[in-house]
Amino acid sequence: MSGEIVFEKEMGIDHADFFRLLPHALDRLEYIFEDSRAVISDGAKRLEITLSETGERRIALMSVPVTHVRFAYFGYSREEAEEFQAHIDRRYQRGGG
């Protein structure tokens, strides 16, 4: 186990949708929600998710929300953090293909 492991992502989502989907992404892990931040504790492990202000990306006449999201893992091995991050990423995937 090591110190802080950080993943930063730019996501096409606003705060309301992000936090609406969060319980599904966490598979019943409990979290504390404060403004634009969520803290998830699981024993000695902790994940802090921080969202930037939501901006917008314009593509022709279409406007898409964009939020920078920081995932900071504490008490996780690199492998555990990468595995949990991949799980969260899959839960936030949108349709397409």
PDB file of N, CA and C in Angstrom:
ATOM      1  N   MET A   1       0.854  -1.170   0.000  1.00  0.00           N
ATOM      2  CA  MET A   1       0.000   0.000   0.000  1.00  0.00           C
ATOM      3  C   MET A   1       0.905   1.239   0.000  1.00  0.00           C
ATOM      4  N   SER A   2       0.423   2.246  -0.661  1.00  0.00           N
ATOM      5  CA  SER A   2       1.215   3.460  -0.731  1.00  0.00           C
ATOM      6  C   SER A   2       0.358   4.660  -0.367  1.00  0.00           C
ATOM      7  N   GLY A   3       0.874   5.847  -0.652  1.00  0.00           N
ATOM      8  CA  GLY A   3       0.151   7.070  -0.346  1.00  0.00           C
ATOM      9  C   GLY A   3      -0.957   7.333  -1.337  1.00  0.00           C
ATOM     10  N   GLU A   4      -1.041   8.553  -1.762  1.00  0.00           N
ATOM     11  CA  GLU A   4      -2.121   8.991  -2.645  1.00  0.00           C
ATOM     12  C   GLU A   4      -1.862   8.553  -4.092  1.00  0.00           C
ATOM     13  N   ILE A   5      -2.892   7.994  -4.715  1.00  0.00           N
ATOM     14  CA  ILE A   5      -2.856   7.638  -6.132  1.00  0.00           C
ATOM     15  C   ILE A   5      -3.971   8.438  -6.794  1.00  0.00           C
ATOM     16  N   VAL A   6      -3.631   9.212  -7.820  1.00  0.00           N
ATOM     17  CA  VAL A   6      -4.586  10.153  -8.410  1.00  0.00           C
ATOM     18  C   VAL A   6      -4.838   9.836  -9.879  1.00  0.00           C
ATOM     19  N   PHE A   7      -6.106   9.884 -10.248  1.00  0.00           N
ATOM     20  CA  PHE A   7      -6.532   9.821 -11.646  1.00  0.00           C
ATOM     21  C   PHE A   7      -7.358  11.077 -11.899  1.00  0.00           C
ATOM     22  N   GLU A   8      -7.090  11.763 -13.009  1.00  0.00           N
ATOM     23  CA  GLU A   8      -7.867  12.942 -13.364  1.00  0.00           C
ATOM     24  C   GLU A   8      -8.483  12.716 -14.730  1.00  0.00           C
ATOM     25  N   LYS A   9      -9.758  13.079 -14.834  1.00  0.00           N
ATOM     26  CA  LYS A   9     -10.498  12.849 -16.068  1.00  0.00           C
ATOM     27  C   LYS A   9     -11.322  14.078 -16.420  1.00  0.00           C
ATOM     28  N   GLU A  10     -11.534  14.267 -17.705  1.00  0.00           N
ATOM     29  CA  GLU A  10     -12.481  15.261 -18.190  1.00  0.00           C
ATOM     30  C   GLU A  10     -13.699  14.469 -18.639  1.00  0.00           C
ATOM     31  N   MET A  11     -14.825  14.728 -17.997  1.00  0.00           N
ATOM     32  CA  MET A  11     -16.022  13.946 -18.274  1.00  0.00           C
ATOM     33  C   MET A  11     -17.120  14.829 -18.850  1.00  0.00           C
ATOM     34  N   GLY A  12     -17.875  14.288 -19.781  1.00  0.00           N
ATOM     35  CA  GLY A  12     -19.000  14.993 -20.394  1.00  0.00           C
ATOM     36  C   GLY A  12     -20.239  14.830 -19.528  1.00  0.00           C
ATOM     37  N   ILE A  13     -20.227  15.476 -18.365  1.00  0.00           N
ATOM     38  CA  ILE A  13     -21.301  15.304 -17.389  1.00  0.00           C
ATOM     39  C   ILE A  13     -21.354  16.541 -16.501  1.00  0.00           C
ATOM     40  N   ASP A  14     -22.525  16.833 -15.954  1.00  0.00           N
ATOM     41  CA  ASP A  14     -22.619  17.923 -14.974  1.00  0.00           C
ATOM     42  C   ASP A  14     -22.693  17.315 -13.569  1.00  0.00           C
ATOM     43  N   HIS A  15     -22.668  18.156 -12.557  1.00  0.00           N
ATOM     44  CA  HIS A  15     -22.655  17.680 -11.168  1.00  0.00           C
ATOM     45  C   HIS A  15     -23.887  16.851 -10.825  1.00  0.00           C
ATOM     46  N   ALA A  16     -25.047  17.309 -11.254  1.00  0.00           N
ATOM     47  CA  ALA A  16     -26.290  16.601 -10.912  1.00  0.00           C
ATOM     48  C   ALA A  16     -26.270  15.176 -11.443  1.00  0.00           C
ATOM     49  N   ASP A  17     -25.895  15.000 -12.693  1.00  0.00           N
ATOM     50  CA  ASP A  17     -25.840  13.654 -13.265  1.00  0.00           C
ATOM     51  C   ASP A  17     -24.727  12.820 -12.630  1.00  0.00           C
ATOM     52  N   PHE A  18     -23.587  13.434 -12.364  1.00  0.00           N
ATOM     53  CA  PHE A  18     -22.486  12.681 -11.761  1.00  0.00           C
ATOM     54  C   PHE A  18     -22.924  12.087 -10.418  1.00  0.00           C
ATOM     55  N   PHE A  19     -23.510  12.913  -9.561  1.00  0.00           N
ATOM     56  CA  PHE A  19     -23.895  12.432  -8.235  1.00  0.00           C
ATOM     57  C   PHE A  19     -25.144  11.547  -8.270  1.00  0.00           C
ATOM     58  N   ARG A  20     -25.953  11.680  -9.300  1.00  0.00           N
ATOM     59  CA  ARG A  20     -27.097  10.785  -9.458  1.00  0.00           C
ATOM     60  C   ARG A  20     -26.624   9.368  -9.780  1.00  0.00           C
ATOM     61  N   LEU A  21     -25.566   9.254 -10.574  1.00  0.00           N
ATOM     62  CA  LEU A  21     -25.035   7.953 -10.981  1.00  0.00           C
ATOM     63  C   LEU A  21     -24.039   7.353  -9.987  1.00  0.00           C
ATOM     64  N   LEU A  22     -23.537   8.174  -9.064  1.00  0.00           N
ATOM     65  CA  LEU A  22     -22.488   7.711  -8.150  1.00  0.00           C
ATOM     66  C   LEU A  22     -22.860   6.475  -7.331  1.00  0.00           C
ATOM     67  N   PRO A  23     -24.049   6.398  -6.727  1.00  0.00           N
ATOM     68  CA  PRO A  23     -24.361   5.189  -5.943  1.00  0.00           C
ATOM     69  C   PRO A  23     -24.260   3.901  -6.769  1.00  0.00           C
ATOM     70  N   HIS A  24     -24.667   3.952  -8.016  1.00  0.00           N
ATOM     71  CA  HIS A  24     -24.565   2.783  -8.894  1.00  0.00           C
ATOM     72  C   HIS A  24     -23.092   2.433  -9.150  1.00  0.00           C
ATOM     73  N   ALA A  25     -22.262   3.443  -9.339  1.00  0.00           N
ATOM     74  CA  ALA A  25     -20.841   3.212  -9.611  1.00  0.00           C
ATOM     75  C   ALA A  25     -20.112   2.647  -8.398  1.00  0.00           C
ATOM     76  N   LEU A  26     -20.604   2.959  -7.202  1.00  0.00           N
ATOM     77  CA  LEU A  26     -19.923   2.524  -5.981  1.00  0.00           C
ATOM     78  C   LEU A  26     -20.420   1.185  -5.454  1.00  0.00           C
ATOM     79  N   ASP A  27     -21.421   0.616  -6.092  1.00  0.00           N
ATOM     80  CA  ASP A  27     -21.939  -0.686  -5.658  1.00  0.00           C
ATOM     81  C   ASP A  27     -22.210  -0.734  -4.159  1.00  0.00           C
ATOM     82  N   ARG A  28     -23.015   0.161  -3.696  1.00  0.00           N
ATOM     83  CA  ARG A  28     -23.498   0.196  -2.315  1.00  0.00           C
ATOM     84  C   ARG A  28     -22.496   0.679  -1.273  1.00  0.00           C
ATOM     85  N   LEU A  29     -21.287   1.067  -1.661  1.00  0.00           N
ATOM     86  CA  LEU A  29     -20.386   1.674  -0.687  1.00  0.00           C
ATOM     87  C   LEU A  29     -20.982   3.016  -0.286  1.00  0.00           C
ATOM     88  N   GLU A  30     -20.906   3.335   0.970  1.00  0.00           N
ATOM     89  CA  GLU A  30     -21.474   4.600   1.436  1.00  0.00           C
ATOM     90  C   GLU A  30     -20.476   5.731   1.211  1.00  0.00           C
ATOM     91  N   TYR A  31     -21.022   6.911   1.019  1.00  0.00           N
ATOM     92  CA  TYR A  31     -20.163   8.072   0.815  1.00  0.00           C
ATOM     93  C   TYR A  31     -20.760   9.297   1.498  1.00  0.00           C
ATOM     94  N   ILE A  32     -19.886  10.263   1.749  1.00  0.00           N
ATOM     95  CA  ILE A  32     -20.290  11.558   2.292  1.00  0.00           C
ATOM     96  C   ILE A  32     -20.179  12.558   1.150  1.00  0.00           C
ATOM     97  N   PHE A  33     -21.220  13.340   0.963  1.00  0.00           N
ATOM     98  CA  PHE A  33     -21.302  14.288  -0.137  1.00  0.00           C
ATOM     99  C   PHE A  33     -21.208  15.702   0.427  1.00  0.00           C
ATOM    100  N   GLU A  34     -20.255  16.493  -0.064  1.00  0.00           N
ATOM    101  CA  GLU A  34     -20.076  17.877   0.369  1.00  0.00           C
ATOM    102  C   GLU A  34     -19.864  18.752  -0.871  1.00  0.00           C
ATOM    103  N   ASP A  35     -20.817  19.590  -1.184  1.00  0.00           N
ATOM    104  CA  ASP A  35     -20.710  20.499  -2.336  1.00  0.00           C
ATOM    105  C   ASP A  35     -20.302  19.755  -3.602  1.00  0.00           C
ATOM    106  N   SER A  36     -19.063  19.918  -4.026  1.00  0.00           N
ATOM    107  CA  SER A  36     -18.601  19.285  -5.267  1.00  0.00           C
ATOM    108  C   SER A  36     -17.597  18.166  -4.970  1.00  0.00           C
ATOM    109  N   ARG A  37     -17.775  17.520  -3.832  1.00  0.00           N
ATOM    110  CA  ARG A  37     -16.831  16.496  -3.397  1.00  0.00           C
ATOM    111  C   ARG A  37     -17.562  15.337  -2.735  1.00  0.00           C
ATOM    112  N   ALA A  38     -17.055  14.139  -2.967  1.00  0.00           N
ATOM    113  CA  ALA A  38     -17.580  12.945  -2.303  1.00  0.00           C
ATOM    114  C   ALA A  38     -16.402  12.204  -1.679  1.00  0.00           C
ATOM    115  N   VAL A  39     -16.605  11.688  -0.467  1.00  0.00           N
ATOM    116  CA  VAL A  39     -15.587  10.894   0.213  1.00  0.00           C
ATOM    117  C   VAL A  39     -16.178   9.524   0.491  1.00  0.00           C
ATOM    118  N   ILE A  40     -15.472   8.501   0.007  1.00  0.00           N
ATOM    119  CA  ILE A  40     -15.918   7.122   0.156  1.00  0.00           C
ATOM    120  C   ILE A  40     -14.908   6.413   1.043  1.00  0.00           C
ATOM    121  N   SER A  41     -15.367   5.840   2.149  1.00  0.00           N
ATOM    122  CA  SER A  41     -14.473   5.121   3.052  1.00  0.00           C
ATOM    123  C   SER A  41     -14.856   3.657   3.075  1.00  0.00           C
ATOM    124  N   ASP A  42     -13.833   2.811   3.048  1.00  0.00           N
ATOM    125  CA  ASP A  42     -14.029   1.367   3.107  1.00  0.00           C
ATOM    126  C   ASP A  42     -12.910   0.811   3.984  1.00  0.00           C
ATOM    127  N   GLY A  43     -13.143   0.806   5.293  1.00  0.00           N
ATOM    128  CA  GLY A  43     -12.108   0.383   6.230  1.00  0.00           C
ATOM    129  C   GLY A  43     -10.962   1.373   6.221  1.00  0.00           C
ATOM    130  N   ALA A  44      -9.764   0.880   5.967  1.00  0.00           N
ATOM    131  CA  ALA A  44      -8.572   1.741   5.943  1.00  0.00           C
ATOM    132  C   ALA A  44      -8.399   2.452   4.606  1.00  0.00           C
ATOM    133  N   LYS A  45      -9.242   2.151   3.638  1.00  0.00           N
ATOM    134  CA  LYS A  45      -9.147   2.753   2.313  1.00  0.00           C
ATOM    135  C   LYS A  45     -10.110   3.926   2.199  1.00  0.00           C
ATOM    136  N   ARG A  46      -9.687   4.939   1.425  1.00  0.00           N
ATOM    137  CA  ARG A  46     -10.531   6.116   1.220  1.00  0.00           C
ATOM    138  C   ARG A  46     -10.349   6.614  -0.206  1.00  0.00           C
ATOM    139  N   LEU A  47     -11.459   7.003  -0.806  1.00  0.00           N
ATOM    140  CA  LEU A  47     -11.455   7.609  -2.132  1.00  0.00           C
ATOM    141  C   LEU A  47     -12.110   8.977  -2.017  1.00  0.00           C
ATOM    142  N   GLU A  48     -11.421   9.985  -2.489  1.00  0.00           N
ATOM    143  CA  GLU A  48     -11.967  11.347  -2.519  1.00  0.00           C
ATOM    144  C   GLU A  48     -12.156  11.737  -3.976  1.00  0.00           C
ATOM    145  N   ILE A  49     -13.388  12.104  -4.317  1.00  0.00           N
ATOM    146  CA  ILE A  49     -13.715  12.523  -5.681  1.00  0.00           C
ATOM    147  C   ILE A  49     -14.063  14.009  -5.639  1.00  0.00           C
ATOM    148  N   THR A  50     -13.347  14.806  -6.422  1.00  0.00           N
ATOM    149  CA  THR A  50     -13.565  16.250  -6.449  1.00  0.00           C
ATOM    150  C   THR A  50     -13.901  16.680  -7.870  1.00  0.00           C
ATOM    151  N   LEU A  51     -14.975  17.441  -8.011  1.00  0.00           N
ATOM    152  CA  LEU A  51     -15.422  17.917  -9.316  1.00  0.00           C
ATOM    153  C   LEU A  51     -15.129  19.408  -9.460  1.00  0.00           C
ATOM    154  N   SER A  52     -14.663  19.799 -10.651  1.00  0.00           N
ATOM    155  CA  SER A  52     -14.477  21.216 -10.955  1.00  0.00           C
ATOM    156  C   SER A  52     -15.842  21.831 -11.260  1.00  0.00           C
ATOM    157  N   GLU A  53     -15.858  23.114 -11.475  1.00  0.00           N
ATOM    158  CA  GLU A  53     -17.091  23.729 -11.957  1.00  0.00           C
ATOM    159  C   GLU A  53     -17.382  23.151 -13.339  1.00  0.00           C
ATOM    160  N   THR A  54     -18.650  23.023 -13.656  1.00  0.00           N
ATOM    161  CA  THR A  54     -19.028  22.479 -14.956  1.00  0.00           C
ATOM    162  C   THR A  54     -18.953  23.577 -16.005  1.00  0.00           C
ATOM    163  N   GLY A  55     -18.270  23.263 -17.072  1.00  0.00           N
ATOM    164  CA  GLY A  55     -18.202  24.171 -18.212  1.00  0.00           C
ATOM    165  C   GLY A  55     -18.992  23.574 -19.358  1.00  0.00           C
ATOM    166  N   GLU A  56     -18.689  24.033 -20.553  1.00  0.00           N
ATOM    167  CA  GLU A  56     -19.376  23.458 -21.699  1.00  0.00           C
ATOM    168  C   GLU A  56     -18.425  23.358 -22.876  1.00  0.00           C
ATOM    169  N   ARG A  57     -18.679  22.368 -23.683  1.00  0.00           N
ATOM    170  CA  ARG A  57     -17.937  22.192 -24.924  1.00  0.00           C
ATOM    171  C   ARG A  57     -18.961  22.349 -26.040  1.00  0.00           C
ATOM    172  N   ARG A  58     -18.620  23.181 -27.002  1.00  0.00           N
ATOM    173  CA  ARG A  58     -19.523  23.404 -28.122  1.00  0.00           C
ATOM    174  C   ARG A  58     -18.994  22.678 -29.346  1.00  0.00           C
ATOM    175  N   ILE A  59     -19.893  21.940 -29.967  1.00  0.00           N
ATOM    176  CA  ILE A  59     -19.589  21.247 -31.219  1.00  0.00           C
ATOM    177  C   ILE A  59     -20.688  21.656 -32.187  1.00  0.00           C
ATOM    178  N   ALA A  60     -20.328  22.534 -33.105  1.00  0.00           N
ATOM    179  CA  ALA A  60     -21.300  23.148 -34.015  1.00  0.00           C
ATOM    180  C   ALA A  60     -22.390  23.823 -33.182  1.00  0.00           C
ATOM    181  N   LEU A  61     -23.648  23.415 -33.315  1.00  0.00           N
ATOM    182  CA  LEU A  61     -24.727  24.035 -32.554  1.00  0.00           C
ATOM    183  C   LEU A  61     -25.033  23.298 -31.249  1.00  0.00           C
ATOM    184  N   MET A  62     -24.308  22.220 -31.009  1.00  0.00           N
ATOM    185  CA  MET A  62     -24.558  21.405 -29.825  1.00  0.00           C
ATOM    186  C   MET A  62     -23.652  21.847 -28.672  1.00  0.00           C
ATOM    187  N   SER A  63     -24.207  21.847 -27.465  1.00  0.00           N
ATOM    188  CA  SER A  63     -23.456  22.188 -26.264  1.00  0.00           C
ATOM    189  C   SER A  63     -23.465  20.984 -25.322  1.00  0.00           C
ATOM    190  N   VAL A  64     -22.278  20.575 -24.858  1.00  0.00           N
ATOM    191  CA  VAL A  64     -22.139  19.415 -23.986  1.00  0.00           C
ATOM    192  C   VAL A  64     -21.472  19.861 -22.690  1.00  0.00           C
ATOM    193  N   PRO A  65     -22.012  19.442 -21.525  1.00  0.00           N
ATOM    194  CA  PRO A  65     -21.354  19.809 -20.278  1.00  0.00           C
ATOM    195  C   PRO A  65     -20.001  19.108 -20.165  1.00  0.00           C
ATOM    196  N   VAL A  66     -19.049  19.749 -19.514  1.00  0.00           N
ATOM    197  CA  VAL A  66     -17.747  19.137 -19.280  1.00  0.00           C
ATOM    198  C   VAL A  66     -17.288  19.487 -17.861  1.00  0.00           C
ATOM    199  N   THR A  67     -16.876  18.462 -17.137  1.00  0.00           N
ATOM    200  CA  THR A  67     -16.417  18.628 -15.758  1.00  0.00           C
ATOM    201  C   THR A  67     -15.112  17.862 -15.591  1.00  0.00           C
ATOM    202  N   HIS A  68     -14.133  18.514 -14.976  1.00  0.00           N
ATOM    203  CA  HIS A  68     -12.876  17.838 -14.651  1.00  0.00           C
ATOM    204  C   HIS A  68     -13.075  17.159 -13.305  1.00  0.00           C
ATOM    205  N   VAL A  69     -12.734  15.874 -13.244  1.00  0.00           N
ATOM    206  CA  VAL A  69     -12.967  15.084 -12.037  1.00  0.00           C
ATOM    207  C   VAL A  69     -11.637  14.509 -11.572  1.00  0.00           C
ATOM    208  N   ARG A  70     -11.385  14.672 -10.274  1.00  0.00           N
ATOM    209  CA  ARG A  70     -10.147  14.155  -9.668  1.00  0.00           C
ATOM    210  C   ARG A  70     -10.523  13.033  -8.710  1.00  0.00           C
ATOM    211  N   PHE A  71      -9.931  11.857  -8.915  1.00  0.00           N
ATOM    212  CA  PHE A  71     -10.135  10.696  -8.059  1.00  0.00           C
ATOM    213  C   PHE A  71      -8.834  10.473  -7.290  1.00  0.00           C
ATOM    214  N   ALA A  72      -8.850  10.655  -5.976  1.00  0.00           N
ATOM    215  CA  ALA A  72      -7.653  10.463  -5.150  1.00  0.00           C
ATOM    216  C   ALA A  72      -7.876   9.271  -4.229  1.00  0.00           C
ATOM    217  N   TYR A  73      -7.060   8.252  -4.399  1.00  0.00           N
ATOM    218  CA  TYR A  73      -7.159   7.011  -3.637  1.00  0.00           C
ATOM    219  C   TYR A  73      -6.110   7.015  -2.525  1.00  0.00           C
ATOM    220  N   PHE A  74      -6.525   6.688  -1.323  1.00  0.00           N
ATOM    221  CA  PHE A  74      -5.626   6.597  -0.168  1.00  0.00           C
ATOM    222  C   PHE A  74      -5.741   5.194   0.426  1.00  0.00           C
ATOM    223  N   GLY A  75      -4.603   4.555   0.691  1.00  0.00           N
ATOM    224  CA  GLY A  75      -4.618   3.227   1.288  1.00  0.00           C
ATOM    225  C   GLY A  75      -4.819   2.103   0.291  1.00  0.00           C
ATOM    226  N   TYR A  76      -4.857   2.412  -0.987  1.00  0.00           N
ATOM    227  CA  TYR A  76      -5.011   1.418  -2.049  1.00  0.00           C
ATOM    228  C   TYR A  76      -3.640   1.123  -2.658  1.00  0.00           C
ATOM    229  N   SER A  77      -3.430  -0.112  -3.079  1.00  0.00           N
ATOM    230  CA  SER A  77      -2.259  -0.402  -3.904  1.00  0.00           C
ATOM    231  C   SER A  77      -2.548   0.167  -5.289  1.00  0.00           C
ATOM    232  N   ARG A  78      -1.531   0.316  -6.104  1.00  0.00           N
ATOM    233  CA  ARG A  78      -1.719   0.829  -7.473  1.00  0.00           C
ATOM    234  C   ARG A  78      -2.694  -0.079  -8.224  1.00  0.00           C
ATOM    235  N   GLU A  79      -2.533  -1.384  -8.081  1.00  0.00           N
ATOM    236  CA  GLU A  79      -3.411  -2.338  -8.772  1.00  0.00           C
ATOM    237  C   GLU A  79      -4.861  -2.204  -8.309  1.00  0.00           C
ATOM    238  N   GLU A  80      -5.080  -2.073  -7.007  1.00  0.00           N
ATOM    239  CA  GLU A  80      -6.444  -1.922  -6.479  1.00  0.00           C
ATOM    240  C   GLU A  80      -7.083  -0.633  -6.983  1.00  0.00           C
ATOM    241  N   ALA A  81      -6.308   0.463  -6.976  1.00  0.00           N
ATOM    242  CA  ALA A  81      -6.838   1.753  -7.437  1.00  0.00           C
ATOM    243  C   ALA A  81      -7.193   1.683  -8.920  1.00  0.00           C
ATOM    244  N   GLU A  82      -6.320   1.096  -9.723  1.00  0.00           N
ATOM    245  CA  GLU A  82      -6.594   0.985 -11.159  1.00  0.00           C
ATOM    246  C   GLU A  82      -7.823   0.121 -11.418  1.00  0.00           C
ATOM    247  N   GLU A  83      -7.956  -0.954 -10.658  1.00  0.00           N
ATOM    248  CA  GLU A  83      -9.115  -1.842 -10.826  1.00  0.00           C
ATOM    249  C   GLU A  83     -10.419  -1.141 -10.446  1.00  0.00           C
ATOM    250  N   PHE A  84     -10.403  -0.427  -9.316  1.00  0.00           N
ATOM    251  CA  PHE A  84     -11.618   0.276  -8.889  1.00  0.00           C
ATOM    252  C   PHE A  84     -11.941   1.422  -9.844  1.00  0.00           C
ATOM    253  N   GLN A  85     -10.900   2.112 -10.339  1.00  0.00           N
ATOM    254  CA  GLN A  85     -11.121   3.201 -11.284  1.00  0.00           C
ATOM    255  C   GLN A  85     -11.722   2.675 -12.581  1.00  0.00           C
ATOM    256  N   ALA A  86     -11.253   1.532 -13.055  1.00  0.00           N
ATOM    257  CA  ALA A  86     -11.816   0.925 -14.265  1.00  0.00           C
ATOM    258  C   ALA A  86     -13.287   0.571 -14.049  1.00  0.00           C
ATOM    259  N   HIS A  87     -13.610   0.092 -12.855  1.00  0.00           N
ATOM    260  CA  HIS A  87     -15.008  -0.224 -12.513  1.00  0.00           C
ATOM    261  C   HIS A  87     -15.867   1.043 -12.578  1.00  0.00           C
ATOM    262  N   ILE A  88     -15.391   2.124 -11.977  1.00  0.00           N
ATOM    263  CA  ILE A  88     -16.128   3.403 -11.995  1.00  0.00           C
ATOM    264  C   ILE A  88     -16.273   3.892 -13.439  1.00  0.00           C
ATOM    265  N   ASP A  89     -15.194   3.830 -14.202  1.00  0.00           N
ATOM    266  CA  ASP A  89     -15.237   4.285 -15.599  1.00  0.00           C
ATOM    267  C   ASP A  89     -16.303   3.531 -16.392  1.00  0.00           C
ATOM    268  N   ARG A  90     -16.385   2.223 -16.178  1.00  0.00           N
ATOM    269  CA  ARG A  90     -17.404   1.429 -16.897  1.00  0.00           C
ATOM    270  C   ARG A  90     -18.809   1.876 -16.505  1.00  0.00           C
ATOM    271  N   ARG A  91     -19.030   2.204 -15.248  1.00  0.00           N
ATOM    272  CA  ARG A  91     -20.359   2.618 -14.777  1.00  0.00           C
ATOM    273  C   ARG A  91     -20.789   3.962 -15.365  1.00  0.00           C
ATOM    274  N   TYR A  92     -19.802   4.789 -15.719  1.00  0.00           N
ATOM    275  CA  TYR A  92     -20.118   6.104 -16.279  1.00  0.00           C
ATOM    276  C   TYR A  92     -20.101   6.131 -17.810  1.00  0.00           C
ATOM    277  N   GLN A  93     -19.793   5.012 -18.443  1.00  0.00           N
ATOM    278  CA  GLN A  93     -19.812   4.975 -19.910  1.00  0.00           C
ATOM    279  C   GLN A  93     -21.202   5.248 -20.426  1.00  0.00           C
ATOM    280  N   ARG A  94     -21.245   5.966 -21.512  1.00  0.00           N
ATOM    281  CA  ARG A  94     -22.537   6.242 -22.150  1.00  0.00           C
ATOM    282  C   ARG A  94     -22.644   5.452 -23.432  1.00  0.00           C
ATOM    283  N   GLY A  95     -23.854   5.377 -23.946  1.00  0.00           N
ATOM    284  CA  GLY A  95     -24.112   4.621 -25.170  1.00  0.00           C
ATOM    285  C   GLY A  95     -23.275   5.097 -26.340  1.00  0.00           C
ATOM    286  N   GLY A  96     -23.309   4.370 -27.347  1.00  0.00           N
ATOM    287  CA  GLY A  96     -22.535   4.687 -28.546  1.00  0.00           C
ATOM    288  C   GLY A  96     -22.175   3.383 -29.226  1.00  0.00           C
ATOM    289  N   GLY A  97     -21.437   3.489 -30.268  1.00  0.00           N
ATOM    290  CA  GLY A  97     -20.956   2.273 -30.891  1.00  0.00           C
ATOM    291  C   GLY A  97     -21.570   2.061 -32.168  1.00  0.00           C
TER     292      GLY A  97
END
